[in-house]
Amino acid sequence: MKALVYEGPNKLNYTDVPDVKPEKGEVKLRIKACGICGSDVAGYQGLTGRRIEPMIMGHEFCGEVTECAEGVKDLKIGDRVAVYPVNFCGECEMCKKGDVHLCLNKRSYGVLAENGAFAEYLCVPEKCCFPVAPGVSPVIGSLMEPLAVSYRGVGHLGDLTGKSVFLAGTGTIGLLAMVCAKIKGASKIFVSDMDDERLQVAKDLGADIVINPSKEDPKEVVLQHTNGMGVDCGIEAVGIAPTVQQVMSVLRFGGKAVWIGNNRKMIEMNMQEVVTRELKIDGSFLYGYKEFKEVVDLLNEGKLDVKPLISKEIHLDEAIKYFEKLKNHEDNLIKVVVVDD
C-alpha cells in the first residue's frame, strides 16, 4: 500500500509500505480523509521530538471499514467511522477513572513511533471507532479530532446561554472553538485576529463582531458593544503573550477565560489585573472519550457547520508539497485534508 513516511526533519517520502492486517478486536480501515494538523507540520520539521522516524503521521482521520477481525461486535464492512486516535489500555488507573486520554499505556496514532493515517489503510481497535451518518462527508468527519479539542476547551466555560464570548486566534482550533461556543448558546461572539481573510471565515461561521487588532483596539470595541462591562468569557487559542493579554483585558469583573493555545512555554501577563478583578483561568488540553463521542453525535445530528474551515482537499501524492506550503505559511491555508476518492 502507499503511505507518506516521515524519514527525518523536513523529509517525507511517498512510497510503498507493507500492507496491514487487523488483530483481534480491530478493524481495517480504508482511509477516506486525514487532516494535516499543525503538530504534524511541526513534527515534519523535527521541532517537537514527537515524531520518531521512520513513521507515518496522521491522527485526524475518517475511514471506511474493509475488514473485521475476530472480536469485532458492532461494526461491519462498509461502515464509515471517525476515529478516536488514542489506543488506550482500559486497565490502568487513569482509564478506570474515565480519563482514557491520559492512559498510562496509551499509543497515539501518528505520534512518536506509532503509525498513523497518511496511508491507504490503517488498523484500529473497534473501541476507537465512532460511526458517522451516511450523508456526512469523510472530510468533515476528519475534523472530529480538532473539534473535540475545541469542544473540551469551551466546556470549561460552562453554560454559555446568553453570554458574550471573546476569542483570540483563527486557526483551526480557534475557529472550531467559536463554533462550539455558538452551539453552547453564546449570544454575542467577538473574534480577534490580524488576518482579514481568516476573520472573514469567522464571520462565515457565525461570528458577530470581528476585530483586527492592527487596525483597532479590541478592548475599546468590546466595551463599546457590552455597555462598558466587558465580555463574560474569553477563549485564548494561540498561546502567545499578546493574545493572552488581549483576552484577559476584555473580560468583565469576575469573568472567566480558557486557554487552549499551547505555543510558548513562558508568557508575561498582568497578574494584578487577574487578582484585583477576580478573573478566572482554566487550561484545557486534548479531549476525552466522552467529548469525542459528543462531537460525533453533534455531527450526525446535523448541528455542525464546519465546511468553511477546509482550505484545500488533496491526494496523498500531493501531501509533501502541502507540508512545505504549511511550513512556509503559503496561501493562508487553514485546514488541508488528504482525501481518497
C-alpha atoms as a PDB file:
ATOM      1  CA  MET A   1       0.000   0.000   0.000  1.00  0.00           C
ATOM      2  CA  LYS A   2       1.034   3.617  -0.441  1.00  0.00           C
ATOM      3  CA  ALA A   3       1.915   5.837   2.520  1.00  0.00           C
ATOM      4  CA  LEU A   4       3.635   9.094   3.393  1.00  0.00           C
ATOM      5  CA  VAL A   5       6.635   8.135   5.507  1.00  0.00           C
ATOM      6  CA  TYR A   6       8.414  10.616   7.790  1.00  0.00           C
ATOM      7  CA  GLU A   7      12.139   9.872   7.456  1.00  0.00           C
ATOM      8  CA  GLY A   8      13.622  12.775   9.424  1.00  0.00           C
ATOM      9  CA  PRO A   9      13.391  16.563   9.711  1.00  0.00           C
ATOM     10  CA  ASN A  10      11.920  18.045   6.514  1.00  0.00           C
ATOM     11  CA  LYS A  11      11.974  14.676   4.792  1.00  0.00           C
ATOM     12  CA  LEU A  12       8.803  12.873   3.717  1.00  0.00           C
ATOM     13  CA  ASN A  13       8.657  10.019   1.234  1.00  0.00           C
ATOM     14  CA  TYR A  14       5.546   8.933  -0.677  1.00  0.00           C
ATOM     15  CA  THR A  15       6.292   5.256  -1.082  1.00  0.00           C
ATOM     16  CA  ASP A  16       5.146   1.647  -0.827  1.00  0.00           C
ATOM     17  CA  VAL A  17       4.961   0.111   2.649  1.00  0.00           C
ATOM     18  CA  PRO A  18       3.777  -3.336   3.828  1.00  0.00           C
ATOM     19  CA  ASP A  19       0.017  -3.826   3.972  1.00  0.00           C
ATOM     20  CA  VAL A  20      -1.629  -4.077   7.388  1.00  0.00           C
ATOM     21  CA  LYS A  21      -3.768  -6.846   8.907  1.00  0.00           C
ATOM     22  CA  PRO A  22      -6.240  -6.329  11.775  1.00  0.00           C
ATOM     23  CA  GLU A  23      -5.670  -8.187  15.029  1.00  0.00           C
ATOM     24  CA  LYS A  24      -8.341  -9.377  17.449  1.00  0.00           C
ATOM     25  CA  GLY A  25     -10.841  -6.602  18.205  1.00  0.00           C
ATOM     26  CA  GLU A  26      -9.588  -4.442  15.337  1.00  0.00           C
ATOM     27  CA  VAL A  27     -10.961  -3.279  12.017  1.00  0.00           C
ATOM     28  CA  LYS A  28      -9.014  -2.447   8.893  1.00  0.00           C
ATOM     29  CA  LEU A  29      -9.902   0.980   7.530  1.00  0.00           C
ATOM     30  CA  ARG A  30      -9.526   2.432   4.082  1.00  0.00           C
ATOM     31  CA  ILE A  31      -8.532   5.982   4.993  1.00  0.00           C
ATOM     32  CA  LYS A  32     -11.032   8.300   3.320  1.00  0.00           C
ATOM     33  CA  ALA A  33      -9.785  11.608   4.770  1.00  0.00           C
ATOM     34  CA  CYS A  34      -6.988  12.741   7.074  1.00  0.00           C
ATOM     35  CA  GLY A  35      -6.313  16.326   8.102  1.00  0.00           C
ATOM     36  CA  ILE A  36      -2.838  17.808   8.334  1.00  0.00           C
ATOM     37  CA  CYS A  37      -2.510  19.124  11.892  1.00  0.00           C
ATOM     38  CA  GLY A  38      -0.198  21.931  12.958  1.00  0.00           C
ATOM     39  CA  SER A  39       1.562  19.386  15.167  1.00  0.00           C
ATOM     40  CA  ASP A  40       2.230  17.280  12.061  1.00  0.00           C
ATOM     41  CA  VAL A  41       3.869  20.274  10.380  1.00  0.00           C
ATOM     42  CA  ALA A  42       5.989  20.929  13.475  1.00  0.00           C
ATOM     43  CA  GLY A  43       6.834  17.235  13.659  1.00  0.00           C
ATOM     44  CA  TYR A  44       7.804  17.255   9.987  1.00  0.00           C
ATOM     45  CA  GLN A  45      10.323  19.979  10.781  1.00  0.00           C
ATOM     46  CA  GLY A  46      11.734  17.972  13.688  1.00  0.00           C
ATOM     47  CA  LEU A  47      10.773  20.652  16.205  1.00  0.00           C
ATOM     48  CA  THR A  48       8.911  18.588  18.779  1.00  0.00           C
ATOM     49  CA  GLY A  49      10.668  15.262  19.278  1.00  0.00           C
ATOM     50  CA  ARG A  50       7.243  13.621  18.958  1.00  0.00           C
ATOM     51  CA  ARG A  51       7.826  12.024  15.569  1.00  0.00           C
ATOM     52  CA  ILE A  52      10.390   9.211  15.621  1.00  0.00           C
ATOM     53  CA  GLU A  53      11.492   8.246  12.142  1.00  0.00           C
ATOM     54  CA  PRO A  54      10.692   6.214  10.189  1.00  0.00           C
ATOM     55  CA  MET A  55       6.950   6.514  10.854  1.00  0.00           C
ATOM     56  CA  ILE A  56       3.661   7.537   9.282  1.00  0.00           C
ATOM     57  CA  MET A  57       1.956  10.645  10.693  1.00  0.00           C
ATOM     58  CA  GLY A  58      -1.758  11.499  10.657  1.00  0.00           C
ATOM     59  CA  HIS A  59      -4.193  11.491  13.593  1.00  0.00           C
ATOM     60  CA  GLU A  60      -7.236  13.434  12.296  1.00  0.00           C
ATOM     61  CA  PHE A  61      -8.987  10.814  10.213  1.00  0.00           C
ATOM     62  CA  CYS A  62     -12.137   9.191   8.955  1.00  0.00           C
ATOM     63  CA  GLY A  63     -12.185   5.786   7.288  1.00  0.00           C
ATOM     64  CA  GLU A  64     -14.305   3.013   5.827  1.00  0.00           C
ATOM     65  CA  VAL A  65     -14.256  -0.490   7.317  1.00  0.00           C
ATOM     66  CA  THR A  66     -12.883  -3.025   4.825  1.00  0.00           C
ATOM     67  CA  GLU A  67     -12.184  -5.953   7.173  1.00  0.00           C
ATOM     68  CA  CYS A  68     -13.258  -7.021  10.663  1.00  0.00           C
ATOM     69  CA  ALA A  69     -11.090  -9.273  12.832  1.00  0.00           C
ATOM     70  CA  GLU A  70     -12.313 -11.729  15.443  1.00  0.00           C
ATOM     71  CA  GLY A  71     -13.950  -9.980  18.389  1.00  0.00           C
ATOM     72  CA  VAL A  72     -15.441  -7.058  16.466  1.00  0.00           C
ATOM     73  CA  LYS A  73     -19.063  -6.879  17.587  1.00  0.00           C
ATOM     74  CA  ASP A  74     -20.857  -3.870  16.150  1.00  0.00           C
ATOM     75  CA  LEU A  75     -19.037  -2.645  13.063  1.00  0.00           C
ATOM     76  CA  LYS A  76     -19.373  -4.192   9.611  1.00  0.00           C
ATOM     77  CA  ILE A  77     -17.684  -3.817   6.247  1.00  0.00           C
ATOM     78  CA  GLY A  78     -18.730  -0.577   4.588  1.00  0.00           C
ATOM     79  CA  ASP A  79     -19.296   1.396   7.790  1.00  0.00           C
ATOM     80  CA  ARG A  80     -17.682   4.847   7.869  1.00  0.00           C
ATOM     81  CA  VAL A  81     -16.155   5.930  11.144  1.00  0.00           C
ATOM     82  CA  ALA A  82     -14.388   8.862  12.754  1.00  0.00           C
ATOM     83  CA  VAL A  83     -11.514   7.593  14.856  1.00  0.00           C
ATOM     84  CA  TYR A  84     -10.573   8.487  18.414  1.00  0.00           C
ATOM     85  CA  PRO A  85      -6.820   8.384  17.776  1.00  0.00           C
ATOM     86  CA  VAL A  86      -5.728   7.122  21.191  1.00  0.00           C
ATOM     87  CA  ASN A  87      -5.441   3.372  21.719  1.00  0.00           C
ATOM     88  CA  PHE A  88      -5.962   3.156  25.473  1.00  0.00           C
ATOM     89  CA  CYS A  89      -5.452   0.099  27.667  1.00  0.00           C
ATOM     90  CA  GLY A  90      -8.690   0.340  29.677  1.00  0.00           C
ATOM     91  CA  GLU A  91      -6.986  -1.126  32.721  1.00  0.00           C
ATOM     92  CA  CYS A  92      -4.672   1.498  34.231  1.00  0.00           C
ATOM     93  CA  GLU A  93      -5.607   3.949  36.987  1.00  0.00           C
ATOM     94  CA  MET A  94      -6.426   6.778  34.574  1.00  0.00           C
ATOM     95  CA  CYS A  95      -8.570   4.584  32.300  1.00  0.00           C
ATOM     96  CA  LYS A  96     -10.549   3.296  35.271  1.00  0.00           C
ATOM     97  CA  LYS A  97     -11.245   6.919  36.230  1.00  0.00           C
ATOM     98  CA  GLY A  98     -12.569   7.535  32.719  1.00  0.00           C
ATOM     99  CA  ASP A  99      -9.610   9.680  31.641  1.00  0.00           C
ATOM    100  CA  VAL A 100      -8.582   7.427  28.779  1.00  0.00           C
ATOM    101  CA  HIS A 101      -6.795  10.297  27.012  1.00  0.00           C
ATOM    102  CA  LEU A 102      -4.355  10.220  29.950  1.00  0.00           C
ATOM    103  CA  CYS A 103      -3.922   6.433  29.795  1.00  0.00           C
ATOM    104  CA  LEU A 104      -0.564   5.431  31.246  1.00  0.00           C
ATOM    105  CA  ASN A 105      -0.074   2.902  28.453  1.00  0.00           C
ATOM    106  CA  LYS A 106      -1.629   4.778  25.545  1.00  0.00           C
ATOM    107  CA  ARG A 107      -0.457   4.660  21.965  1.00  0.00           C
ATOM    108  CA  SER A 108      -1.479   7.660  19.896  1.00  0.00           C
ATOM    109  CA  TYR A 109      -1.789   7.126  16.165  1.00  0.00           C
ATOM    110  CA  GLY A 110       0.592   9.252  14.118  1.00  0.00           C
ATOM    111  CA  VAL A 111       2.668  10.259  17.150  1.00  0.00           C
ATOM    112  CA  LEU A 112       6.132   9.131  18.317  1.00  0.00           C
ATOM    113  CA  ALA A 113       6.714   5.792  16.550  1.00  0.00           C
ATOM    114  CA  GLU A 114       3.047   4.761  16.179  1.00  0.00           C
ATOM    115  CA  ASN A 115       1.966   4.785  12.541  1.00  0.00           C
ATOM    116  CA  GLY A 116      -1.000   6.969  11.629  1.00  0.00           C
ATOM    117  CA  ALA A 117      -3.379   7.636   8.779  1.00  0.00           C
ATOM    118  CA  PHE A 118      -1.334   9.237   5.988  1.00  0.00           C
ATOM    119  CA  ALA A 119      -1.624   5.871   4.302  1.00  0.00           C
ATOM    120  CA  GLU A 120      -4.141   3.945   2.257  1.00  0.00           C
ATOM    121  CA  TYR A 121      -5.038   1.651   5.178  1.00  0.00           C
ATOM    122  CA  LEU A 122      -4.743   1.533   8.957  1.00  0.00           C
ATOM    123  CA  CYS A 123      -5.938  -0.964  11.559  1.00  0.00           C
ATOM    124  CA  VAL A 124      -7.519   0.371  14.743  1.00  0.00           C
ATOM    125  CA  PRO A 125      -9.494  -1.125  17.657  1.00  0.00           C
ATOM    126  CA  GLU A 126     -13.269  -1.108  17.332  1.00  0.00           C
ATOM    127  CA  LYS A 127     -13.463   0.798  20.641  1.00  0.00           C
ATOM    128  CA  CYS A 128     -11.812   3.786  18.931  1.00  0.00           C
ATOM    129  CA  CYS A 129     -14.352   3.940  16.077  1.00  0.00           C
ATOM    130  CA  PHE A 130     -17.457   6.144  16.046  1.00  0.00           C
ATOM    131  CA  PRO A 131     -19.856   5.631  13.121  1.00  0.00           C
ATOM    132  CA  VAL A 132     -20.718   8.735  11.112  1.00  0.00           C
ATOM    133  CA  ALA A 133     -24.067   9.209   9.391  1.00  0.00           C
ATOM    134  CA  PRO A 134     -24.312   8.160   5.709  1.00  0.00           C
ATOM    135  CA  GLY A 135     -24.688  11.732   4.498  1.00  0.00           C
ATOM    136  CA  VAL A 136     -21.612  13.022   6.335  1.00  0.00           C
ATOM    137  CA  SER A 137     -18.590  13.785   4.172  1.00  0.00           C
ATOM    138  CA  PRO A 138     -15.409  11.967   5.289  1.00  0.00           C
ATOM    139  CA  VAL A 139     -13.626  15.323   5.029  1.00  0.00           C
ATOM    140  CA  ILE A 140     -15.914  16.764   7.696  1.00  0.00           C
ATOM    141  CA  GLY A 141     -15.615  13.514   9.652  1.00  0.00           C
ATOM    142  CA  SER A 142     -11.846  14.018   9.782  1.00  0.00           C
ATOM    143  CA  LEU A 143     -12.368  17.256  11.714  1.00  0.00           C
ATOM    144  CA  MET A 144     -13.743  15.446  14.768  1.00  0.00           C
ATOM    145  CA  GLU A 145     -10.328  15.265  16.442  1.00  0.00           C
ATOM    146  CA  PRO A 146      -9.559  19.014  16.423  1.00  0.00           C
ATOM    147  CA  LEU A 147     -13.237  19.703  17.099  1.00  0.00           C
ATOM    148  CA  ALA A 148     -13.036  17.571  20.233  1.00  0.00           C
ATOM    149  CA  VAL A 149     -10.056  19.650  21.402  1.00  0.00           C
ATOM    150  CA  SER A 150     -12.108  22.825  20.997  1.00  0.00           C
ATOM    151  CA  TYR A 151     -15.262  21.296  22.456  1.00  0.00           C
ATOM    152  CA  ARG A 152     -13.458  20.264  25.640  1.00  0.00           C
ATOM    153  CA  GLY A 153     -11.881  23.703  25.933  1.00  0.00           C
ATOM    154  CA  VAL A 154     -15.168  25.574  25.569  1.00  0.00           C
ATOM    155  CA  GLY A 155     -16.720  23.126  28.010  1.00  0.00           C
ATOM    156  CA  HIS A 156     -14.572  24.647  30.774  1.00  0.00           C
ATOM    157  CA  LEU A 157     -16.641  27.829  30.435  1.00  0.00           C
ATOM    158  CA  GLY A 158     -19.868  26.069  31.417  1.00  0.00           C
ATOM    159  CA  ASP A 159     -23.283  27.088  30.138  1.00  0.00           C
ATOM    160  CA  LEU A 160     -22.855  29.944  27.657  1.00  0.00           C
ATOM    161  CA  THR A 161     -26.539  30.632  27.115  1.00  0.00           C
ATOM    162  CA  GLY A 162     -26.979  34.394  26.766  1.00  0.00           C
ATOM    163  CA  LYS A 163     -23.309  35.099  27.459  1.00  0.00           C
ATOM    164  CA  SER A 164     -20.793  37.146  25.479  1.00  0.00           C
ATOM    165  CA  VAL A 165     -17.551  35.477  24.388  1.00  0.00           C
ATOM    166  CA  PHE A 166     -14.248  36.855  23.076  1.00  0.00           C
ATOM    167  CA  LEU A 167     -11.982  34.581  21.024  1.00  0.00           C
ATOM    168  CA  ALA A 168      -8.375  35.314  20.084  1.00  0.00           C
ATOM    169  CA  GLY A 169      -6.963  33.231  17.240  1.00  0.00           C
ATOM    170  CA  THR A 170      -8.459  31.950  13.989  1.00  0.00           C
ATOM    171  CA  GLY A 171      -6.510  28.783  13.427  1.00  0.00           C
ATOM    172  CA  THR A 172      -8.406  25.514  13.172  1.00  0.00           C
ATOM    173  CA  ILE A 173      -8.777  25.102  16.944  1.00  0.00           C
ATOM    174  CA  GLY A 174      -9.854  28.724  17.448  1.00  0.00           C
ATOM    175  CA  LEU A 175     -12.471  28.678  14.695  1.00  0.00           C
ATOM    176  CA  LEU A 176     -13.834  25.355  15.905  1.00  0.00           C
ATOM    177  CA  ALA A 177     -13.973  26.769  19.441  1.00  0.00           C
ATOM    178  CA  MET A 178     -16.111  29.579  18.061  1.00  0.00           C
ATOM    179  CA  VAL A 179     -18.454  27.012  16.502  1.00  0.00           C
ATOM    180  CA  CYS A 180     -18.660  25.217  19.857  1.00  0.00           C
ATOM    181  CA  ALA A 181     -19.426  28.481  21.685  1.00  0.00           C
ATOM    182  CA  LYS A 182     -22.352  29.047  19.327  1.00  0.00           C
ATOM    183  CA  ILE A 183     -23.612  25.513  19.904  1.00  0.00           C
ATOM    184  CA  LYS A 184     -23.443  26.126  23.653  1.00  0.00           C
ATOM    185  CA  GLY A 185     -25.661  29.200  23.364  1.00  0.00           C
ATOM    186  CA  ALA A 186     -23.323  32.217  23.317  1.00  0.00           C
ATOM    187  CA  SER A 187     -25.342  35.334  22.487  1.00  0.00           C
ATOM    188  CA  LYS A 188     -22.530  37.500  21.109  1.00  0.00           C
ATOM    189  CA  ILE A 189     -19.137  36.325  19.872  1.00  0.00           C
ATOM    190  CA  PHE A 190     -16.156  38.609  19.235  1.00  0.00           C
ATOM    191  CA  VAL A 191     -13.266  37.188  17.204  1.00  0.00           C
ATOM    192  CA  SER A 192      -9.834  38.793  17.047  1.00  0.00           C
ATOM    193  CA  ASP A 193      -7.044  38.102  14.584  1.00  0.00           C
ATOM    194  CA  MET A 194      -4.624  40.097  12.428  1.00  0.00           C
ATOM    195  CA  ASP A 195      -5.590  38.203   9.262  1.00  0.00           C
ATOM    196  CA  ASP A 196      -8.614  39.683   7.486  1.00  0.00           C
ATOM    197  CA  GLU A 197      -9.152  36.594   5.336  1.00  0.00           C
ATOM    198  CA  ARG A 198      -9.441  34.398   8.395  1.00  0.00           C
ATOM    199  CA  LEU A 199     -11.697  36.922  10.072  1.00  0.00           C
ATOM    200  CA  GLN A 200     -13.990  36.552   7.080  1.00  0.00           C
ATOM    201  CA  VAL A 201     -14.050  32.793   7.645  1.00  0.00           C
ATOM    202  CA  ALA A 202     -15.010  33.514  11.260  1.00  0.00           C
ATOM    203  CA  LYS A 203     -17.892  35.659  10.004  1.00  0.00           C
ATOM    204  CA  ASP A 204     -18.938  32.897   7.627  1.00  0.00           C
ATOM    205  CA  LEU A 205     -19.074  30.562  10.625  1.00  0.00           C
ATOM    206  CA  GLY A 206     -21.242  32.974  12.600  1.00  0.00           C
ATOM    207  CA  ALA A 207     -19.013  35.441  14.451  1.00  0.00           C
ATOM    208  CA  ASP A 208     -20.971  38.569  15.427  1.00  0.00           C
ATOM    209  CA  ILE A 209     -18.071  41.046  15.582  1.00  0.00           C
ATOM    210  CA  VAL A 210     -14.585  40.584  14.119  1.00  0.00           C
ATOM    211  CA  ILE A 211     -11.609  42.682  15.192  1.00  0.00           C
ATOM    212  CA  ASN A 212      -8.215  43.167  13.604  1.00  0.00           C
ATOM    213  CA  PRO A 213      -6.007  44.460  16.460  1.00  0.00           C
ATOM    214  CA  SER A 214      -3.589  46.015  13.975  1.00  0.00           C
ATOM    215  CA  LYS A 215      -6.414  48.383  12.962  1.00  0.00           C
ATOM    216  CA  GLU A 216      -8.475  48.879  16.134  1.00  0.00           C
ATOM    217  CA  ASP A 217      -8.238  48.346  19.889  1.00  0.00           C
ATOM    218  CA  PRO A 218     -10.030  45.112  20.868  1.00  0.00           C
ATOM    219  CA  LYS A 219     -10.776  46.382  24.369  1.00  0.00           C
ATOM    220  CA  GLU A 220     -12.422  49.550  23.059  1.00  0.00           C
ATOM    221  CA  VAL A 221     -14.537  47.551  20.605  1.00  0.00           C
ATOM    222  CA  VAL A 222     -15.643  45.112  23.304  1.00  0.00           C
ATOM    223  CA  LEU A 223     -16.513  47.835  25.806  1.00  0.00           C
ATOM    224  CA  GLN A 224     -18.491  49.667  23.125  1.00  0.00           C
ATOM    225  CA  HIS A 225     -20.638  46.581  22.492  1.00  0.00           C
ATOM    226  CA  THR A 226     -21.048  45.468  26.114  1.00  0.00           C
ATOM    227  CA  ASN A 227     -22.157  48.735  27.756  1.00  0.00           C
ATOM    228  CA  GLY A 228     -18.672  49.226  29.147  1.00  0.00           C
ATOM    229  CA  MET A 229     -18.726  45.938  31.066  1.00  0.00           C
ATOM    230  CA  GLY A 230     -16.534  43.578  29.049  1.00  0.00           C
ATOM    231  CA  VAL A 231     -17.303  40.013  27.993  1.00  0.00           C
ATOM    232  CA  ASP A 232     -18.392  37.176  30.222  1.00  0.00           C
ATOM    233  CA  CYS A 233     -15.909  34.645  28.832  1.00  0.00           C
ATOM    234  CA  GLY A 234     -12.699  34.539  26.823  1.00  0.00           C
ATOM    235  CA  ILE A 235     -11.009  31.860  24.723  1.00  0.00           C
ATOM    236  CA  GLU A 236      -7.272  32.038  24.027  1.00  0.00           C
ATOM    237  CA  ALA A 237      -6.419  29.819  21.047  1.00  0.00           C
ATOM    238  CA  VAL A 238      -2.923  30.971  20.088  1.00  0.00           C
ATOM    239  CA  GLY A 239      -0.646  30.580  23.090  1.00  0.00           C
ATOM    240  CA  ILE A 240       1.464  33.758  22.987  1.00  0.00           C
ATOM    241  CA  ALA A 241       1.661  36.717  25.359  1.00  0.00           C
ATOM    242  CA  PRO A 242      -0.113  39.354  23.207  1.00  0.00           C
ATOM    243  CA  THR A 243      -3.234  37.240  22.714  1.00  0.00           C
ATOM    244  CA  VAL A 244      -3.299  36.099  26.339  1.00  0.00           C
ATOM    245  CA  GLN A 245      -3.079  39.731  27.437  1.00  0.00           C
ATOM    246  CA  GLN A 246      -5.798  40.655  24.951  1.00  0.00           C
ATOM    247  CA  VAL A 247      -8.217  38.005  26.212  1.00  0.00           C
ATOM    248  CA  MET A 248      -7.694  38.862  29.867  1.00  0.00           C
ATOM    249  CA  SER A 249      -8.060  42.613  29.258  1.00  0.00           C
ATOM    250  CA  VAL A 250     -11.542  42.339  27.720  1.00  0.00           C
ATOM    251  CA  LEU A 251     -13.110  40.246  30.491  1.00  0.00           C
ATOM    252  CA  ARG A 252     -15.645  41.803  32.836  1.00  0.00           C
ATOM    253  CA  PHE A 253     -15.088  41.664  36.604  1.00  0.00           C
ATOM    254  CA  GLY A 254     -15.307  38.019  37.653  1.00  0.00           C
ATOM    255  CA  GLY A 255     -15.046  36.866  34.024  1.00  0.00           C
ATOM    256  CA  LYS A 256     -13.528  33.552  33.036  1.00  0.00           C
ATOM    257  CA  ALA A 257     -11.045  32.563  30.348  1.00  0.00           C
ATOM    258  CA  VAL A 258      -9.976  29.210  28.999  1.00  0.00           C
ATOM    259  CA  TRP A 259      -6.519  28.849  27.490  1.00  0.00           C
ATOM    260  CA  ILE A 260      -6.342  26.293  24.677  1.00  0.00           C
ATOM    261  CA  GLY A 261      -3.342  27.746  22.837  1.00  0.00           C
ATOM    262  CA  ASN A 262      -0.085  25.914  23.541  1.00  0.00           C
ATOM    263  CA  ASN A 263       2.599  27.857  21.723  1.00  0.00           C
ATOM    264  CA  ARG A 264       5.012  29.436  24.219  1.00  0.00           C
ATOM    265  CA  LYS A 265       6.308  27.836  27.390  1.00  0.00           C
ATOM    266  CA  MET A 266       6.503  31.155  29.258  1.00  0.00           C
ATOM    267  CA  ILE A 267       4.432  34.314  28.802  1.00  0.00           C
ATOM    268  CA  GLU A 268       4.118  37.680  30.532  1.00  0.00           C
ATOM    269  CA  MET A 269       0.761  38.965  31.726  1.00  0.00           C
ATOM    270  CA  ASN A 270      -0.749  41.407  34.213  1.00  0.00           C
ATOM    271  CA  MET A 271      -1.194  39.389  37.389  1.00  0.00           C
ATOM    272  CA  GLN A 272      -2.651  42.353  39.285  1.00  0.00           C
ATOM    273  CA  GLU A 273      -5.453  42.543  36.738  1.00  0.00           C
ATOM    274  CA  VAL A 274      -6.324  38.913  37.449  1.00  0.00           C
ATOM    275  CA  VAL A 275      -6.216  39.415  41.208  1.00  0.00           C
ATOM    276  CA  THR A 276      -7.991  42.750  41.562  1.00  0.00           C
ATOM    277  CA  ARG A 277     -10.751  41.905  39.081  1.00  0.00           C
ATOM    278  CA  GLU A 278     -11.076  38.304  40.343  1.00  0.00           C
ATOM    279  CA  LEU A 279     -10.665  36.787  36.903  1.00  0.00           C
ATOM    280  CA  LYS A 280     -10.683  33.031  36.468  1.00  0.00           C
ATOM    281  CA  ILE A 281      -8.438  30.971  34.193  1.00  0.00           C
ATOM    282  CA  ASP A 282      -8.712  27.336  33.126  1.00  0.00           C
ATOM    283  CA  GLY A 283      -6.258  25.475  30.958  1.00  0.00           C
ATOM    284  CA  SER A 284      -7.505  22.804  28.564  1.00  0.00           C
ATOM    285  CA  PHE A 285      -5.548  20.010  26.880  1.00  0.00           C
ATOM    286  CA  LEU A 286      -6.703  17.481  24.308  1.00  0.00           C
ATOM    287  CA  TYR A 287     -10.073  15.777  24.897  1.00  0.00           C
ATOM    288  CA  GLY A 288     -11.618  12.702  26.469  1.00  0.00           C
ATOM    289  CA  TYR A 289     -13.555   9.780  25.039  1.00  0.00           C
ATOM    290  CA  LYS A 290     -16.799  11.411  26.161  1.00  0.00           C
ATOM    291  CA  GLU A 291     -16.111  14.680  24.314  1.00  0.00           C
ATOM    292  CA  PHE A 292     -15.179  12.818  21.146  1.00  0.00           C
ATOM    293  CA  LYS A 293     -18.443  10.881  21.189  1.00  0.00           C
ATOM    294  CA  GLU A 294     -20.428  14.052  21.830  1.00  0.00           C
ATOM    295  CA  VAL A 295     -18.965  15.922  18.855  1.00  0.00           C
ATOM    296  CA  VAL A 296     -19.590  12.956  16.542  1.00  0.00           C
ATOM    297  CA  ASP A 297     -23.184  12.905  17.792  1.00  0.00           C
ATOM    298  CA  LEU A 298     -23.488  16.628  17.020  1.00  0.00           C
ATOM    299  CA  LEU A 299     -22.123  15.983  13.547  1.00  0.00           C
ATOM    300  CA  ASN A 300     -24.552  13.147  12.918  1.00  0.00           C
ATOM    301  CA  GLU A 301     -27.454  15.299  14.128  1.00  0.00           C
ATOM    302  CA  GLY A 302     -26.571  17.989  11.578  1.00  0.00           C
ATOM    303  CA  LYS A 303     -25.741  20.585  14.234  1.00  0.00           C
ATOM    304  CA  LEU A 304     -22.254  21.410  12.958  1.00  0.00           C
ATOM    305  CA  ASP A 305     -21.270  23.581  10.013  1.00  0.00           C
ATOM    306  CA  VAL A 306     -17.506  23.485   9.717  1.00  0.00           C
ATOM    307  CA  LYS A 307     -17.041  23.325   5.946  1.00  0.00           C
ATOM    308  CA  PRO A 308     -15.689  26.929   5.686  1.00  0.00           C
ATOM    309  CA  LEU A 309     -12.550  25.774   7.528  1.00  0.00           C
ATOM    310  CA  ILE A 310     -11.496  23.450   4.715  1.00  0.00           C
ATOM    311  CA  SER A 311      -8.946  25.321   2.626  1.00  0.00           C
ATOM    312  CA  LYS A 312      -7.893  22.501   0.337  1.00  0.00           C
ATOM    313  CA  GLU A 313      -8.570  18.834  -0.390  1.00  0.00           C
ATOM    314  CA  ILE A 314      -5.570  16.995  -1.795  1.00  0.00           C
ATOM    315  CA  HIS A 315      -4.454  13.459  -2.582  1.00  0.00           C
ATOM    316  CA  LEU A 316      -1.742  11.617  -0.707  1.00  0.00           C
ATOM    317  CA  ASP A 317       0.778  12.004  -3.527  1.00  0.00           C
ATOM    318  CA  GLU A 318       0.412  15.819  -3.220  1.00  0.00           C
ATOM    319  CA  ALA A 319       0.972  15.939   0.539  1.00  0.00           C
ATOM    320  CA  ILE A 320       4.713  16.621   0.511  1.00  0.00           C
ATOM    321  CA  LYS A 321       4.125  19.837  -1.440  1.00  0.00           C
ATOM    322  CA  TYR A 322       1.453  20.943   1.006  1.00  0.00           C
ATOM    323  CA  PHE A 323       3.563  20.184   4.071  1.00  0.00           C
ATOM    324  CA  GLU A 324       6.057  22.641   2.605  1.00  0.00           C
ATOM    325  CA  LYS A 325       3.332  25.205   1.967  1.00  0.00           C
ATOM    326  CA  LEU A 326       2.072  24.909   5.542  1.00  0.00           C
ATOM    327  CA  LYS A 327       5.614  25.070   6.891  1.00  0.00           C
ATOM    328  CA  ASN A 328       6.232  28.294   4.954  1.00  0.00           C
ATOM    329  CA  HIS A 329       2.769  29.764   5.675  1.00  0.00           C
ATOM    330  CA  GLU A 330       1.915  29.950   1.982  1.00  0.00           C
ATOM    331  CA  ASP A 331      -1.571  30.563   0.569  1.00  0.00           C
ATOM    332  CA  ASN A 332      -3.070  31.315   4.003  1.00  0.00           C
ATOM    333  CA  LEU A 333      -4.237  27.724   4.419  1.00  0.00           C
ATOM    334  CA  ILE A 334      -6.349  26.872   7.458  1.00  0.00           C
ATOM    335  CA  LYS A 335      -7.098  23.171   7.111  1.00  0.00           C
ATOM    336  CA  VAL A 336      -5.701  20.925   4.401  1.00  0.00           C
ATOM    337  CA  VAL A 337      -7.228  17.460   4.205  1.00  0.00           C
ATOM    338  CA  VAL A 338      -5.773  14.460   2.367  1.00  0.00           C
ATOM    339  CA  VAL A 339      -8.656  12.591   0.707  1.00  0.00           C
ATOM    340  CA  ASP A 340      -9.198   9.303  -1.106  1.00  0.00           C
ATOM    341  CA  ASP A 341     -11.767   9.378  -3.870  1.00  0.00           C
END
